[in-house]
Amino acid sequence: MASNSKIPKAIFVCRDDDTLKVLKAIDEGGCQIALVLDNEKKLVGTITDGDVRRSILERRTMKINAENMMNKNFKFAKLCDS
């Protein structure tokens, strides 16, 4: 992603957002991932469609919030990193 590119707003979800909102963020964000933010807008986790699928299969329900399906051990790089 070029340094002047912006991350689509649709990609962000809150910890308490439900499964459908997470799937919508993954679909509409166009990045195949949702980024989970806390109340201070700090990145606290990531969610892919695979994370959602595994959470549904493990819990046998779609009533799961983002916090319970997110990956807390994610890796990231700043746009200025090379």
C-alpha atoms as a PDB file:
ATOM      1  CA  MET A   1       0.000   0.000   0.000  1.00  0.00           C
ATOM      2  CA  ALA A   2       1.479   3.356  -0.959  1.00  0.00           C
ATOM      3  CA  SER A   3       2.213   5.824   1.814  1.00  0.00           C
ATOM      4  CA  ASN A   4      -0.490   8.185   0.553  1.00  0.00           C
ATOM      5  CA  SER A   5      -3.145   5.429   0.576  1.00  0.00           C
ATOM      6  CA  LYS A   6      -5.796   5.387   3.255  1.00  0.00           C
ATOM      7  CA  ILE A   7      -7.194   2.367   5.063  1.00  0.00           C
ATOM      8  CA  PRO A   8     -10.938   2.053   4.306  1.00  0.00           C
ATOM      9  CA  LYS A   9     -13.078   3.083   7.289  1.00  0.00           C
ATOM     10  CA  ALA A  10     -15.276   0.001   6.782  1.00  0.00           C
ATOM     11  CA  ILE A  11     -12.414  -2.255   7.896  1.00  0.00           C
ATOM     12  CA  PHE A  12     -12.616  -1.153  11.577  1.00  0.00           C
ATOM     13  CA  VAL A  13     -14.842  -2.824  14.176  1.00  0.00           C
ATOM     14  CA  CYS A  14     -15.269  -2.519  17.946  1.00  0.00           C
ATOM     15  CA  ARG A  15     -14.659  -5.299  20.466  1.00  0.00           C
ATOM     16  CA  ASP A  16     -18.374  -5.770  21.104  1.00  0.00           C
ATOM     17  CA  ASP A  17     -19.484  -5.813  17.443  1.00  0.00           C
ATOM     18  CA  ASP A  18     -21.333  -8.984  16.446  1.00  0.00           C
ATOM     19  CA  THR A  19     -20.446 -11.600  13.848  1.00  0.00           C
ATOM     20  CA  LEU A  20     -22.500 -10.027  11.063  1.00  0.00           C
ATOM     21  CA  LYS A  21     -20.879  -6.620  11.535  1.00  0.00           C
ATOM     22  CA  VAL A  22     -17.423  -8.238  11.459  1.00  0.00           C
ATOM     23  CA  LEU A  23     -18.251 -10.142   8.262  1.00  0.00           C
ATOM     24  CA  LYS A  24     -19.594  -6.956   6.690  1.00  0.00           C
ATOM     25  CA  ALA A  25     -16.349  -5.126   7.574  1.00  0.00           C
ATOM     26  CA  ILE A  26     -14.270  -7.914   6.025  1.00  0.00           C
ATOM     27  CA  ASP A  27     -16.416  -7.930   2.886  1.00  0.00           C
ATOM     28  CA  GLU A  28     -16.857  -4.179   2.370  1.00  0.00           C
ATOM     29  CA  GLY A  29     -13.399  -3.161   3.534  1.00  0.00           C
ATOM     30  CA  GLY A  30     -11.801  -4.873   0.574  1.00  0.00           C
ATOM     31  CA  CYS A  31      -8.732  -5.946   2.596  1.00  0.00           C
ATOM     32  CA  GLN A  32      -9.928  -9.443   3.643  1.00  0.00           C
ATOM     33  CA  ILE A  33      -9.445  -8.487   7.293  1.00  0.00           C
ATOM     34  CA  ALA A  34     -11.186  -6.516  10.046  1.00  0.00           C
ATOM     35  CA  LEU A  35      -9.178  -4.472  12.530  1.00  0.00           C
ATOM     36  CA  VAL A  36     -10.539  -4.431  16.103  1.00  0.00           C
ATOM     37  CA  LEU A  37     -10.244  -1.160  18.018  1.00  0.00           C
ATOM     38  CA  ASP A  38     -10.762  -0.462  21.711  1.00  0.00           C
ATOM     39  CA  ASN A  39     -12.564   2.589  23.117  1.00  0.00           C
ATOM     40  CA  GLU A  40      -9.431   4.729  22.682  1.00  0.00           C
ATOM     41  CA  LYS A  41      -9.169   3.710  18.971  1.00  0.00           C
ATOM     42  CA  LYS A  42      -6.118   1.550  19.725  1.00  0.00           C
ATOM     43  CA  LEU A  43      -5.631  -1.569  17.593  1.00  0.00           C
ATOM     44  CA  VAL A  44      -6.188  -4.596  19.832  1.00  0.00           C
ATOM     45  CA  GLY A  45      -6.779  -7.415  17.347  1.00  0.00           C
ATOM     46  CA  THR A  46      -7.378  -8.632  13.822  1.00  0.00           C
ATOM     47  CA  ILE A  47     -10.062 -10.890  12.367  1.00  0.00           C
ATOM     48  CA  THR A  48     -10.061 -12.773   9.064  1.00  0.00           C
ATOM     49  CA  ASP A  49     -12.915 -14.777   7.569  1.00  0.00           C
ATOM     50  CA  GLY A  50     -11.087 -17.903   8.760  1.00  0.00           C
ATOM     51  CA  ASP A  51     -11.145 -16.602  12.355  1.00  0.00           C
ATOM     52  CA  VAL A  52     -14.906 -16.039  12.060  1.00  0.00           C
ATOM     53  CA  ARG A  53     -15.478 -19.501  10.579  1.00  0.00           C
ATOM     54  CA  ARG A  54     -13.419 -21.241  13.291  1.00  0.00           C
ATOM     55  CA  SER A  55     -15.219 -19.310  16.059  1.00  0.00           C
ATOM     56  CA  ILE A  56     -18.649 -20.273  14.717  1.00  0.00           C
ATOM     57  CA  LEU A  57     -17.665 -23.933  14.390  1.00  0.00           C
ATOM     58  CA  GLU A  58     -16.085 -24.084  17.860  1.00  0.00           C
ATOM     59  CA  ARG A  59     -18.956 -22.352  19.651  1.00  0.00           C
ATOM     60  CA  ARG A  60     -21.770 -23.651  17.392  1.00  0.00           C
ATOM     61  CA  THR A  61     -23.392 -20.223  17.330  1.00  0.00           C
ATOM     62  CA  MET A  62     -23.151 -16.954  15.429  1.00  0.00           C
ATOM     63  CA  LYS A  63     -23.741 -14.964  18.617  1.00  0.00           C
ATOM     64  CA  ILE A  64     -20.068 -14.133  19.109  1.00  0.00           C
ATOM     65  CA  ASN A  65     -18.584 -10.677  19.501  1.00  0.00           C
ATOM     66  CA  ALA A  66     -15.379  -9.486  17.853  1.00  0.00           C
ATOM     67  CA  GLU A  67     -13.357  -9.748  21.062  1.00  0.00           C
ATOM     68  CA  ASN A  68     -14.070 -13.485  21.286  1.00  0.00           C
ATOM     69  CA  MET A  69     -12.894 -14.237  17.744  1.00  0.00           C
ATOM     70  CA  MET A  70     -10.031 -11.771  17.256  1.00  0.00           C
ATOM     71  CA  ASN A  71      -6.350 -12.618  16.997  1.00  0.00           C
ATOM     72  CA  LYS A  72      -4.608 -10.712  19.799  1.00  0.00           C
ATOM     73  CA  ASN A  73      -1.119 -11.823  18.720  1.00  0.00           C
ATOM     74  CA  PHE A  74      -0.978 -10.024  15.389  1.00  0.00           C
ATOM     75  CA  LYS A  75       2.046  -8.554  13.612  1.00  0.00           C
ATOM     76  CA  PHE A  76       2.024  -5.123  11.990  1.00  0.00           C
ATOM     77  CA  ALA A  77       4.279  -2.712  10.152  1.00  0.00           C
ATOM     78  CA  LYS A  78       4.066   1.040   9.817  1.00  0.00           C
ATOM     79  CA  LEU A  79       3.548   2.428   6.327  1.00  0.00           C
ATOM     80  CA  CYS A  80       6.954   4.121   6.542  1.00  0.00           C
ATOM     81  CA  ASP A  81       8.711   0.815   7.428  1.00  0.00           C
ATOM     82  CA  SER A  82      10.659  -0.836   4.631  1.00  0.00           C
END
